[in-house]
């Protein structure tokens, strides 16, 4: 049975959350994808998780990473792996080196888009011996069919699926702990207001 992901064994990997590529998402509400991505980045900061960011061709239609990531994760942003066009980020030796440098074997991965940017490195990471959870609500695709087939291929390859609130709860483990209390507050302030009227009024 897979081990629970814990802060001391996990790293967050965000692939191509760029201003231009975000506009390709049609299978989910883009506003939610942004909100969930930033909530997970904040959770990583609270838990002191290593974070690896990567982007592709920032000077082209893909554009730079979401600017909020630079504000939330300045060190990871400065060290981001800027790929020149390699589709599977795992094929970029700088990206692999950044993953290895975290010293973590449990990877929490999201990518835009699921059907191009996330599918290949998650499968490659599993093949390389990592445990991978793909966070599906910080990803997304242009087409329902390509999203569905990408998910199926990842699942068959051994990639586990999760959502931002689920993985944050898994990392928290105990809401009464110091980190847990910060994380549950984060959930209610950043993710749940969209669906929880009481939380929305409180915000």
N, C-alpha and C. Protein backbone atom coordinates (compact mmCIF):
# COMPACT_ATOMS: atom_id res chain seq x y z
N UNK A 1 0.85 -1.19 0.00
CA UNK A 1 0.00 0.00 0.00
C UNK A 1 0.89 1.25 0.00
N UNK A 2 0.58 2.25 -0.83
CA UNK A 2 1.42 3.45 -0.89
C UNK A 2 1.49 4.17 0.45
N UNK A 3 2.64 4.75 0.74
CA UNK A 3 2.82 5.51 1.98
C UNK A 3 2.14 6.86 1.85
N UNK A 4 1.58 7.38 2.94
CA UNK A 4 1.02 8.74 2.89
C UNK A 4 2.12 9.75 2.56
N UNK A 5 1.76 10.78 1.84
CA UNK A 5 2.72 11.84 1.55
C UNK A 5 2.84 12.71 2.80
N UNK A 6 4.07 12.99 3.19
CA UNK A 6 4.33 13.79 4.37
C UNK A 6 5.24 14.96 4.01
N UNK A 7 5.19 16.05 4.77
CA UNK A 7 6.02 17.21 4.44
C UNK A 7 7.51 16.90 4.36
N UNK A 8 7.98 15.99 5.19
CA UNK A 8 9.41 15.70 5.22
C UNK A 8 9.86 14.77 4.10
N UNK A 9 8.91 14.21 3.34
CA UNK A 9 9.27 13.28 2.26
C UNK A 9 8.80 13.76 0.89
N UNK A 10 8.11 14.89 0.83
CA UNK A 10 7.46 15.33 -0.40
C UNK A 10 8.06 16.61 -0.96
N UNK A 11 7.89 16.78 -2.26
CA UNK A 11 8.25 18.03 -2.94
C UNK A 11 7.10 18.40 -3.87
N UNK A 12 6.93 19.70 -4.08
CA UNK A 12 5.91 20.21 -4.99
C UNK A 12 6.57 20.56 -6.32
N UNK A 13 5.98 20.09 -7.41
CA UNK A 13 6.52 20.34 -8.76
C UNK A 13 5.42 20.96 -9.62
N UNK A 14 5.63 22.18 -10.05
CA UNK A 14 4.65 22.90 -10.88
C UNK A 14 5.23 23.09 -12.27
N UNK A 15 4.53 22.57 -13.26
CA UNK A 15 5.03 22.53 -14.63
C UNK A 15 4.20 23.43 -15.54
N UNK A 16 4.83 24.48 -16.03
CA UNK A 16 4.26 25.32 -17.09
C UNK A 16 2.96 26.03 -16.71
N UNK A 17 2.88 26.51 -15.48
CA UNK A 17 1.73 27.34 -15.09
C UNK A 17 2.00 28.77 -15.59
N UNK A 18 1.97 28.90 -16.90
CA UNK A 18 2.33 30.15 -17.56
C UNK A 18 1.08 30.90 -18.00
N UNK A 19 1.22 32.20 -18.09
CA UNK A 19 0.07 33.06 -18.40
C UNK A 19 -0.60 32.63 -19.70
N UNK A 20 0.19 32.29 -20.70
CA UNK A 20 -0.38 31.90 -21.99
C UNK A 20 -0.97 30.51 -21.97
N UNK A 21 -0.25 29.54 -21.39
CA UNK A 21 -0.74 28.16 -21.41
C UNK A 21 -2.00 28.00 -20.55
N UNK A 22 -2.14 28.82 -19.51
CA UNK A 22 -3.34 28.74 -18.68
C UNK A 22 -4.60 28.98 -19.51
N UNK A 23 -4.47 29.77 -20.57
CA UNK A 23 -5.64 30.07 -21.40
C UNK A 23 -6.09 28.88 -22.23
N UNK A 24 -5.26 27.83 -22.29
CA UNK A 24 -5.63 26.63 -23.04
C UNK A 24 -6.57 25.72 -22.27
N UNK A 25 -6.71 25.96 -20.98
CA UNK A 25 -7.55 25.09 -20.14
C UNK A 25 -9.02 25.35 -20.43
N UNK A 26 -9.71 24.30 -20.88
CA UNK A 26 -11.15 24.39 -21.13
C UNK A 26 -11.93 23.33 -20.36
N UNK A 27 -11.23 22.37 -19.75
CA UNK A 27 -11.91 21.28 -19.04
C UNK A 27 -12.23 21.65 -17.60
N UNK A 28 -11.67 22.73 -17.09
CA UNK A 28 -11.95 23.20 -15.74
C UNK A 28 -12.09 24.72 -15.79
N UNK A 29 -12.66 25.27 -14.73
CA UNK A 29 -12.72 26.71 -14.59
C UNK A 29 -11.31 27.24 -14.32
N UNK A 30 -10.81 28.09 -15.19
CA UNK A 30 -9.43 28.57 -15.07
C UNK A 30 -9.23 29.33 -13.76
N UNK A 31 -10.24 30.04 -13.31
CA UNK A 31 -10.12 30.77 -12.05
C UNK A 31 -9.87 29.80 -10.89
N UNK A 32 -10.55 28.64 -10.93
CA UNK A 32 -10.31 27.65 -9.87
C UNK A 32 -8.90 27.08 -9.98
N UNK A 33 -8.45 26.81 -11.19
CA UNK A 33 -7.09 26.26 -11.37
C UNK A 33 -6.07 27.23 -10.78
N UNK A 34 -6.23 28.51 -11.06
CA UNK A 34 -5.32 29.52 -10.51
C UNK A 34 -5.39 29.53 -8.98
N UNK A 35 -6.60 29.55 -8.46
CA UNK A 35 -6.81 29.61 -7.02
C UNK A 35 -6.20 28.39 -6.33
N UNK A 36 -6.43 27.20 -6.91
CA UNK A 36 -5.92 25.96 -6.32
C UNK A 36 -4.39 25.90 -6.41
N UNK A 37 -3.84 26.35 -7.52
CA UNK A 37 -2.38 26.36 -7.69
C UNK A 37 -1.73 27.25 -6.64
N UNK A 38 -2.28 28.43 -6.45
CA UNK A 38 -1.70 29.36 -5.49
C UNK A 38 -1.90 28.89 -4.06
N UNK A 39 -3.03 28.22 -3.78
CA UNK A 39 -3.25 27.66 -2.45
C UNK A 39 -2.21 26.59 -2.15
N UNK A 40 -1.91 25.77 -3.14
CA UNK A 40 -0.91 24.72 -2.94
C UNK A 40 0.48 25.32 -2.77
N UNK A 41 0.76 26.39 -3.50
CA UNK A 41 2.04 27.08 -3.33
C UNK A 41 2.15 27.65 -1.91
N UNK A 42 1.05 28.20 -1.40
CA UNK A 42 1.06 28.72 -0.03
C UNK A 42 1.24 27.60 0.99
N UNK A 43 0.60 26.45 0.72
CA UNK A 43 0.76 25.30 1.61
C UNK A 43 2.21 24.84 1.63
N UNK A 44 2.84 24.83 0.46
CA UNK A 44 4.25 24.44 0.39
C UNK A 44 5.11 25.39 1.21
N UNK A 45 4.78 26.66 1.17
CA UNK A 45 5.54 27.65 1.95
C UNK A 45 5.34 27.43 3.45
N UNK A 46 4.11 27.15 3.86
CA UNK A 46 3.83 26.89 5.27
C UNK A 46 4.61 25.67 5.76
N UNK A 47 4.65 24.63 4.92
CA UNK A 47 5.27 23.36 5.31
C UNK A 47 6.75 23.29 4.99
N UNK A 48 7.26 24.34 4.36
CA UNK A 48 8.67 24.36 3.96
C UNK A 48 9.00 23.22 3.01
N UNK A 49 8.08 22.92 2.10
CA UNK A 49 8.34 21.89 1.09
C UNK A 49 9.30 22.42 0.04
N UNK A 50 10.22 21.60 -0.45
CA UNK A 50 10.98 22.00 -1.63
C UNK A 50 10.02 22.17 -2.82
N UNK A 51 10.24 23.19 -3.63
CA UNK A 51 9.38 23.45 -4.78
C UNK A 51 10.25 23.56 -6.04
N UNK A 52 9.86 22.84 -7.07
CA UNK A 52 10.52 22.94 -8.37
C UNK A 52 9.52 23.54 -9.35
N UNK A 53 9.91 24.64 -9.96
CA UNK A 53 9.11 25.28 -11.00
C UNK A 53 9.82 25.13 -12.34
N UNK A 54 9.04 24.95 -13.38
CA UNK A 54 9.62 24.92 -14.72
C UNK A 54 8.67 25.59 -15.70
N UNK A 55 9.25 26.15 -16.75
CA UNK A 55 8.47 26.84 -17.79
C UNK A 55 9.07 26.49 -19.14
N UNK A 56 8.29 26.74 -20.19
CA UNK A 56 8.74 26.45 -21.55
C UNK A 56 8.57 27.70 -22.41
N UNK A 57 9.66 28.13 -23.00
CA UNK A 57 9.65 29.22 -23.98
C UNK A 57 8.85 30.43 -23.48
N UNK A 58 9.31 31.02 -22.41
CA UNK A 58 8.61 32.14 -21.80
C UNK A 58 8.49 33.35 -22.73
N UNK A 59 9.37 33.45 -23.71
CA UNK A 59 9.36 34.60 -24.61
C UNK A 59 8.44 34.40 -25.79
N UNK A 60 7.70 33.31 -25.81
CA UNK A 60 6.77 33.04 -26.91
C UNK A 60 5.33 33.05 -26.39
N UNK A 61 4.45 32.38 -27.11
CA UNK A 61 3.02 32.44 -26.80
C UNK A 61 2.70 31.90 -25.41
N UNK A 62 3.57 31.01 -24.89
CA UNK A 62 3.33 30.46 -23.56
C UNK A 62 3.42 31.54 -22.47
N UNK A 63 4.28 32.53 -22.66
CA UNK A 63 4.47 33.66 -21.74
C UNK A 63 5.06 33.20 -20.39
N UNK A 64 5.41 34.13 -19.52
CA UNK A 64 6.05 33.78 -18.24
C UNK A 64 5.10 33.04 -17.30
N UNK A 65 5.68 32.49 -16.24
CA UNK A 65 4.88 31.86 -15.20
C UNK A 65 3.96 32.89 -14.54
N UNK A 66 2.87 32.40 -13.93
CA UNK A 66 1.96 33.29 -13.21
C UNK A 66 2.76 34.17 -12.25
N UNK A 67 2.58 35.47 -12.30
CA UNK A 67 3.41 36.36 -11.48
C UNK A 67 3.25 36.13 -9.98
N UNK A 68 2.10 35.61 -9.55
CA UNK A 68 1.90 35.35 -8.13
C UNK A 68 2.90 34.32 -7.59
N UNK A 69 3.36 33.42 -8.47
CA UNK A 69 4.33 32.42 -8.04
C UNK A 69 5.66 33.07 -7.66
N UNK A 70 6.01 34.13 -8.35
CA UNK A 70 7.24 34.86 -8.02
C UNK A 70 7.11 35.52 -6.64
N UNK A 71 5.91 35.97 -6.31
CA UNK A 71 5.69 36.61 -5.02
C UNK A 71 5.66 35.59 -3.88
N UNK A 72 5.01 34.45 -4.12
CA UNK A 72 4.85 33.44 -3.07
C UNK A 72 6.11 32.61 -2.87
N UNK A 73 6.79 32.29 -3.98
CA UNK A 73 7.93 31.38 -3.93
C UNK A 73 9.12 32.01 -4.65
N UNK A 74 9.65 33.10 -4.11
CA UNK A 74 10.69 33.84 -4.83
C UNK A 74 11.95 33.02 -5.13
N UNK A 75 12.37 32.17 -4.20
CA UNK A 75 13.58 31.38 -4.43
C UNK A 75 13.35 30.34 -5.52
N UNK A 76 12.22 29.65 -5.44
CA UNK A 76 11.90 28.64 -6.46
C UNK A 76 11.71 29.30 -7.82
N UNK A 77 11.10 30.48 -7.81
CA UNK A 77 10.89 31.20 -9.08
C UNK A 77 12.23 31.60 -9.70
N UNK A 78 13.14 32.12 -8.89
CA UNK A 78 14.44 32.52 -9.40
C UNK A 78 15.22 31.34 -9.94
N UNK A 79 15.00 30.16 -9.34
CA UNK A 79 15.73 28.95 -9.75
C UNK A 79 14.96 28.11 -10.76
N UNK A 80 13.85 28.64 -11.28
CA UNK A 80 13.01 27.85 -12.17
C UNK A 80 13.81 27.34 -13.38
N UNK A 81 13.40 26.18 -13.85
CA UNK A 81 14.05 25.58 -15.01
C UNK A 81 13.34 26.09 -16.26
N UNK A 82 14.03 26.90 -17.03
CA UNK A 82 13.46 27.49 -18.25
C UNK A 82 13.85 26.61 -19.44
N UNK A 83 12.90 25.78 -19.87
CA UNK A 83 13.15 24.86 -20.98
C UNK A 83 13.03 25.59 -22.30
N UNK A 84 13.84 25.18 -23.23
CA UNK A 84 13.84 25.84 -24.54
C UNK A 84 12.84 25.23 -25.52
N UNK A 85 12.12 24.22 -25.09
CA UNK A 85 11.14 23.61 -25.99
C UNK A 85 10.94 22.13 -25.75
N UNK A 86 11.69 21.56 -24.80
CA UNK A 86 11.55 20.13 -24.49
C UNK A 86 10.15 19.89 -23.93
N UNK A 87 9.39 19.00 -24.57
CA UNK A 87 8.01 18.76 -24.17
C UNK A 87 7.95 18.04 -22.83
N UNK A 88 8.64 16.91 -22.72
CA UNK A 88 8.68 16.15 -21.47
C UNK A 88 9.74 16.77 -20.57
N UNK A 89 9.30 17.49 -19.55
CA UNK A 89 10.25 18.18 -18.68
C UNK A 89 11.29 17.22 -18.12
N UNK A 90 10.91 15.96 -17.92
CA UNK A 90 11.85 14.98 -17.37
C UNK A 90 13.06 14.76 -18.29
N UNK A 91 12.90 15.03 -19.56
CA UNK A 91 14.00 14.87 -20.51
C UNK A 91 15.02 16.01 -20.42
N UNK A 92 14.68 17.06 -19.68
CA UNK A 92 15.60 18.17 -19.49
C UNK A 92 16.51 17.85 -18.30
N UNK A 93 17.82 17.72 -18.52
CA UNK A 93 18.71 17.35 -17.41
C UNK A 93 18.68 18.36 -16.26
N UNK A 94 18.42 19.62 -16.55
CA UNK A 94 18.34 20.63 -15.48
C UNK A 94 17.11 20.40 -14.60
N UNK A 95 16.03 19.97 -15.21
CA UNK A 95 14.82 19.67 -14.45
C UNK A 95 15.05 18.45 -13.57
N UNK A 96 15.61 17.39 -14.14
CA UNK A 96 15.88 16.20 -13.34
C UNK A 96 16.83 16.51 -12.19
N UNK A 97 17.83 17.32 -12.47
CA UNK A 97 18.77 17.69 -11.41
C UNK A 97 18.07 18.45 -10.29
N UNK A 98 17.14 19.32 -10.66
CA UNK A 98 16.39 20.08 -9.65
C UNK A 98 15.53 19.15 -8.79
N UNK A 99 14.92 18.15 -9.41
CA UNK A 99 14.14 17.17 -8.67
C UNK A 99 15.04 16.38 -7.72
N UNK A 100 16.16 15.91 -8.23
CA UNK A 100 17.08 15.12 -7.41
C UNK A 100 17.62 15.95 -6.24
N UNK A 101 17.82 17.23 -6.48
CA UNK A 101 18.38 18.10 -5.44
C UNK A 101 17.44 18.27 -4.25
N UNK A 102 16.14 18.02 -4.44
CA UNK A 102 15.20 18.12 -3.33
C UNK A 102 15.44 17.01 -2.31
N UNK A 103 15.99 15.89 -2.75
CA UNK A 103 16.18 14.75 -1.87
C UNK A 103 14.89 14.04 -1.50
N UNK A 104 13.80 14.36 -2.18
CA UNK A 104 12.50 13.78 -1.86
C UNK A 104 12.10 12.76 -2.92
N UNK A 105 11.41 11.71 -2.49
CA UNK A 105 10.97 10.65 -3.41
C UNK A 105 9.46 10.66 -3.64
N UNK A 106 8.75 11.55 -2.97
CA UNK A 106 7.31 11.70 -3.19
C UNK A 106 7.08 13.05 -3.85
N UNK A 107 6.54 13.02 -5.05
CA UNK A 107 6.37 14.23 -5.83
C UNK A 107 4.90 14.56 -6.00
N UNK A 108 4.55 15.78 -5.66
CA UNK A 108 3.21 16.33 -5.86
C UNK A 108 3.30 17.18 -7.12
N UNK A 109 2.68 16.74 -8.20
CA UNK A 109 2.91 17.37 -9.50
C UNK A 109 1.62 17.89 -10.12
N UNK A 110 1.71 19.07 -10.70
CA UNK A 110 0.63 19.63 -11.49
C UNK A 110 1.23 20.26 -12.72
N UNK A 111 0.45 20.32 -13.80
CA UNK A 111 0.99 20.89 -15.03
C UNK A 111 -0.10 21.38 -15.96
N UNK A 112 0.24 22.37 -16.72
CA UNK A 112 -0.67 22.93 -17.72
C UNK A 112 0.02 22.86 -19.08
N UNK A 113 -0.49 21.99 -19.93
CA UNK A 113 -1.76 21.28 -19.78
C UNK A 113 -1.53 19.83 -19.35
N UNK A 114 -2.61 19.21 -18.83
CA UNK A 114 -2.53 17.82 -18.41
C UNK A 114 -2.09 16.92 -19.55
N UNK A 115 -2.68 17.16 -20.72
CA UNK A 115 -2.50 16.24 -21.85
C UNK A 115 -1.18 16.40 -22.59
N UNK A 116 -0.39 17.41 -22.24
CA UNK A 116 0.92 17.59 -22.88
C UNK A 116 2.01 17.79 -21.83
N UNK A 117 1.80 18.70 -20.91
CA UNK A 117 2.87 19.11 -19.98
C UNK A 117 2.97 18.24 -18.74
N UNK A 118 1.86 17.64 -18.31
CA UNK A 118 1.86 16.85 -17.08
C UNK A 118 2.04 15.37 -17.33
N UNK A 119 1.41 14.85 -18.35
CA UNK A 119 1.38 13.40 -18.57
C UNK A 119 2.77 12.79 -18.65
N UNK A 120 3.66 13.38 -19.43
CA UNK A 120 4.95 12.74 -19.70
C UNK A 120 5.89 12.76 -18.49
N UNK A 121 6.08 13.89 -17.80
CA UNK A 121 6.98 13.84 -16.65
C UNK A 121 6.45 13.02 -15.48
N UNK A 122 5.14 12.94 -15.30
CA UNK A 122 4.63 12.09 -14.22
C UNK A 122 4.95 10.63 -14.51
N UNK A 123 4.70 10.20 -15.74
CA UNK A 123 4.99 8.82 -16.11
C UNK A 123 6.49 8.54 -16.00
N UNK A 124 7.30 9.47 -16.46
CA UNK A 124 8.75 9.30 -16.38
C UNK A 124 9.24 9.24 -14.95
N UNK A 125 8.66 10.06 -14.08
CA UNK A 125 9.07 10.08 -12.67
C UNK A 125 8.75 8.75 -12.00
N UNK A 126 7.57 8.20 -12.28
CA UNK A 126 7.21 6.89 -11.72
C UNK A 126 8.19 5.83 -12.21
N UNK A 127 8.52 5.87 -13.50
CA UNK A 127 9.46 4.90 -14.06
C UNK A 127 10.84 5.03 -13.42
N UNK A 128 11.17 6.23 -12.94
CA UNK A 128 12.46 6.48 -12.30
C UNK A 128 12.45 6.14 -10.82
N UNK A 129 11.33 5.65 -10.30
CA UNK A 129 11.28 5.20 -8.92
C UNK A 129 10.65 6.16 -7.93
N UNK A 130 10.04 7.23 -8.41
CA UNK A 130 9.37 8.18 -7.53
C UNK A 130 7.91 7.80 -7.33
N UNK A 131 7.36 8.17 -6.18
CA UNK A 131 5.92 8.12 -5.98
C UNK A 131 5.36 9.46 -6.44
N UNK A 132 4.31 9.43 -7.24
CA UNK A 132 3.78 10.66 -7.82
C UNK A 132 2.28 10.76 -7.59
N UNK A 133 1.87 11.91 -7.09
CA UNK A 133 0.45 12.27 -7.09
C UNK A 133 0.27 13.45 -8.02
N UNK A 134 -0.58 13.26 -9.02
CA UNK A 134 -0.92 14.34 -9.95
C UNK A 134 -2.13 15.09 -9.41
N UNK A 135 -1.98 16.39 -9.23
CA UNK A 135 -3.05 17.22 -8.68
C UNK A 135 -3.92 17.71 -9.84
N UNK A 136 -5.08 17.11 -9.99
CA UNK A 136 -5.86 17.32 -11.21
C UNK A 136 -6.54 18.68 -11.27
N UNK A 137 -6.77 19.33 -10.13
CA UNK A 137 -7.43 20.63 -10.23
C UNK A 137 -6.44 21.79 -10.30
N UNK A 138 -5.13 21.48 -10.41
CA UNK A 138 -4.17 22.54 -10.76
C UNK A 138 -3.60 22.26 -12.15
N UNK A 139 -4.34 21.46 -12.89
CA UNK A 139 -3.98 21.09 -14.26
C UNK A 139 -5.20 21.33 -15.14
N UNK A 140 -5.24 20.74 -16.31
CA UNK A 140 -6.38 20.93 -17.21
C UNK A 140 -5.95 20.87 -18.65
N UNK A 141 -6.90 20.64 -19.54
CA UNK A 141 -6.60 20.43 -20.96
C UNK A 141 -7.55 21.23 -21.85
N UNK A 142 -7.21 21.35 -23.14
CA UNK A 142 -8.12 22.05 -24.06
C UNK A 142 -9.36 21.23 -24.40
N UNK A 143 -9.25 19.88 -24.32
CA UNK A 143 -10.33 19.02 -24.77
C UNK A 143 -10.63 17.95 -23.72
N UNK A 144 -11.89 17.62 -23.55
CA UNK A 144 -12.28 16.58 -22.59
C UNK A 144 -11.67 15.24 -22.97
N UNK A 145 -11.63 14.94 -24.26
CA UNK A 145 -11.09 13.65 -24.69
C UNK A 145 -9.61 13.53 -24.37
N UNK A 146 -8.84 14.58 -24.63
CA UNK A 146 -7.40 14.51 -24.36
C UNK A 146 -7.13 14.47 -22.86
N UNK A 147 -7.95 15.14 -22.07
CA UNK A 147 -7.82 15.07 -20.61
C UNK A 147 -8.09 13.65 -20.13
N UNK A 148 -9.16 13.06 -20.65
CA UNK A 148 -9.55 11.71 -20.23
C UNK A 148 -8.47 10.69 -20.59
N UNK A 149 -7.96 10.77 -21.81
CA UNK A 149 -6.96 9.79 -22.23
C UNK A 149 -5.64 10.00 -21.49
N UNK A 150 -5.27 11.24 -21.21
CA UNK A 150 -4.05 11.51 -20.45
C UNK A 150 -4.17 10.93 -19.04
N UNK A 151 -5.32 11.13 -18.42
CA UNK A 151 -5.52 10.58 -17.07
C UNK A 151 -5.42 9.06 -17.08
N UNK A 152 -6.01 8.45 -18.11
CA UNK A 152 -5.97 6.98 -18.20
C UNK A 152 -4.55 6.49 -18.35
N UNK A 153 -3.76 7.12 -19.20
CA UNK A 153 -2.37 6.70 -19.39
C UNK A 153 -1.56 6.89 -18.12
N UNK A 154 -1.76 7.99 -17.42
CA UNK A 154 -1.04 8.21 -16.18
C UNK A 154 -1.41 7.15 -15.14
N UNK A 155 -2.69 6.88 -15.03
CA UNK A 155 -3.16 5.90 -14.04
C UNK A 155 -2.57 4.52 -14.33
N UNK A 156 -2.57 4.13 -15.59
CA UNK A 156 -2.02 2.83 -15.96
C UNK A 156 -0.53 2.75 -15.67
N UNK A 157 0.14 3.89 -15.69
CA UNK A 157 1.58 3.93 -15.44
C UNK A 157 1.91 3.99 -13.94
N UNK A 158 0.89 4.11 -13.09
CA UNK A 158 1.13 4.11 -11.65
C UNK A 158 1.08 5.47 -10.99
N UNK A 159 0.62 6.48 -11.72
CA UNK A 159 0.47 7.81 -11.14
C UNK A 159 -0.84 7.85 -10.35
N UNK A 160 -0.78 8.33 -9.13
CA UNK A 160 -2.00 8.49 -8.32
C UNK A 160 -2.59 9.87 -8.58
N UNK A 161 -3.90 9.99 -8.43
CA UNK A 161 -4.58 11.26 -8.66
C UNK A 161 -5.05 11.85 -7.33
N UNK A 162 -5.05 13.17 -7.28
CA UNK A 162 -5.54 13.86 -6.09
C UNK A 162 -6.06 15.22 -6.51
N UNK A 163 -6.52 15.98 -5.53
CA UNK A 163 -6.95 17.37 -5.75
C UNK A 163 -6.26 18.23 -4.70
N UNK A 164 -6.27 19.53 -4.90
CA UNK A 164 -5.50 20.41 -4.04
C UNK A 164 -5.92 20.31 -2.57
N UNK A 165 -7.24 20.32 -2.30
CA UNK A 165 -7.67 20.23 -0.91
C UNK A 165 -7.35 18.87 -0.30
N UNK A 166 -7.39 17.83 -1.11
CA UNK A 166 -7.10 16.48 -0.62
C UNK A 166 -5.63 16.33 -0.24
N UNK A 167 -4.73 16.80 -1.09
CA UNK A 167 -3.31 16.65 -0.78
C UNK A 167 -2.90 17.57 0.37
N UNK A 168 -3.52 18.73 0.47
CA UNK A 168 -3.23 19.60 1.61
C UNK A 168 -3.65 18.92 2.91
N UNK A 169 -4.81 18.27 2.91
CA UNK A 169 -5.25 17.54 4.10
C UNK A 169 -4.32 16.37 4.41
N UNK A 170 -3.86 15.68 3.37
CA UNK A 170 -2.94 14.56 3.57
C UNK A 170 -1.63 15.03 4.19
N UNK A 171 -1.12 16.15 3.72
CA UNK A 171 0.12 16.70 4.27
C UNK A 171 -0.08 17.21 5.70
N UNK A 172 -1.25 17.76 5.97
CA UNK A 172 -1.53 18.28 7.31
C UNK A 172 -1.55 17.17 8.35
N UNK A 173 -2.26 16.09 8.02
CA UNK A 173 -2.39 14.91 8.88
C UNK A 173 -3.19 15.19 10.16
N UNK A 174 -2.98 16.34 10.76
CA UNK A 174 -3.66 16.67 12.03
C UNK A 174 -3.97 18.17 12.02
N UNK A 175 -5.25 18.52 11.93
CA UNK A 175 -5.64 19.93 11.88
C UNK A 175 -5.28 20.67 13.17
N UNK A 176 -5.11 19.92 14.26
CA UNK A 176 -4.80 20.57 15.54
C UNK A 176 -3.31 20.88 15.71
N UNK A 177 -2.48 20.38 14.81
CA UNK A 177 -1.06 20.68 14.88
C UNK A 177 -0.82 22.13 14.45
N UNK A 178 0.34 22.70 14.78
CA UNK A 178 0.60 24.09 14.37
C UNK A 178 0.49 24.30 12.86
N UNK A 179 1.07 23.41 12.07
CA UNK A 179 0.95 23.54 10.62
C UNK A 179 -0.48 23.24 10.16
N UNK A 180 -1.09 22.24 10.81
CA UNK A 180 -2.45 21.87 10.42
C UNK A 180 -3.42 23.02 10.61
N UNK A 181 -3.28 23.77 11.68
CA UNK A 181 -4.19 24.90 11.91
C UNK A 181 -4.01 25.98 10.85
N UNK A 182 -2.77 26.17 10.39
CA UNK A 182 -2.54 27.14 9.32
C UNK A 182 -3.13 26.65 8.00
N UNK A 183 -3.01 25.34 7.77
CA UNK A 183 -3.49 24.78 6.50
C UNK A 183 -5.00 24.78 6.41
N UNK A 184 -5.69 24.48 7.51
CA UNK A 184 -7.15 24.49 7.43
C UNK A 184 -7.66 25.92 7.25
N UNK A 185 -6.96 26.87 7.85
CA UNK A 185 -7.32 28.27 7.62
C UNK A 185 -7.11 28.66 6.16
N UNK A 186 -6.03 28.13 5.58
CA UNK A 186 -5.76 28.38 4.16
C UNK A 186 -6.87 27.80 3.28
N UNK A 187 -7.31 26.60 3.59
CA UNK A 187 -8.38 25.99 2.81
C UNK A 187 -9.64 26.84 2.83
N UNK A 188 -10.02 27.30 4.02
CA UNK A 188 -11.25 28.08 4.12
C UNK A 188 -11.11 29.47 3.52
N UNK A 189 -9.92 30.03 3.55
CA UNK A 189 -9.76 31.39 3.02
C UNK A 189 -9.50 31.40 1.51
N UNK A 190 -8.85 30.36 0.97
CA UNK A 190 -8.41 30.40 -0.42
C UNK A 190 -9.17 29.45 -1.35
N UNK A 191 -9.67 28.33 -0.83
CA UNK A 191 -10.34 27.36 -1.70
C UNK A 191 -11.83 27.24 -1.42
N UNK A 192 -12.19 27.13 -0.16
CA UNK A 192 -13.58 26.83 0.16
C UNK A 192 -14.55 27.99 0.04
N UNK A 193 -14.11 29.25 0.05
CA UNK A 193 -15.10 30.33 -0.12
C UNK A 193 -15.94 30.20 -1.38
N UNK A 194 -15.38 29.57 -2.40
CA UNK A 194 -16.12 29.43 -3.66
C UNK A 194 -17.32 28.49 -3.52
N UNK A 195 -17.30 27.61 -2.49
CA UNK A 195 -18.38 26.63 -2.35
C UNK A 195 -19.02 26.65 -0.98
N UNK A 196 -18.47 27.42 -0.06
CA UNK A 196 -18.94 27.40 1.34
C UNK A 196 -19.42 28.81 1.72
N UNK A 197 -20.72 29.03 1.76
CA UNK A 197 -21.24 30.39 2.02
C UNK A 197 -20.76 30.98 3.34
N UNK A 198 -20.65 30.17 4.39
CA UNK A 198 -20.21 30.69 5.69
C UNK A 198 -18.78 31.20 5.58
N UNK A 199 -17.91 30.38 4.92
CA UNK A 199 -16.52 30.79 4.75
C UNK A 199 -16.43 32.05 3.91
N UNK A 200 -17.34 32.15 2.92
CA UNK A 200 -17.31 33.32 2.04
C UNK A 200 -17.69 34.58 2.82
N UNK A 201 -18.70 34.47 3.71
CA UNK A 201 -19.09 35.64 4.52
C UNK A 201 -17.98 36.00 5.50
N UNK A 202 -17.31 34.97 6.02
CA UNK A 202 -16.25 35.21 6.99
C UNK A 202 -15.08 35.92 6.35
N UNK A 203 -14.85 35.66 5.04
CA UNK A 203 -13.72 36.28 4.34
C UNK A 203 -14.00 37.73 4.02
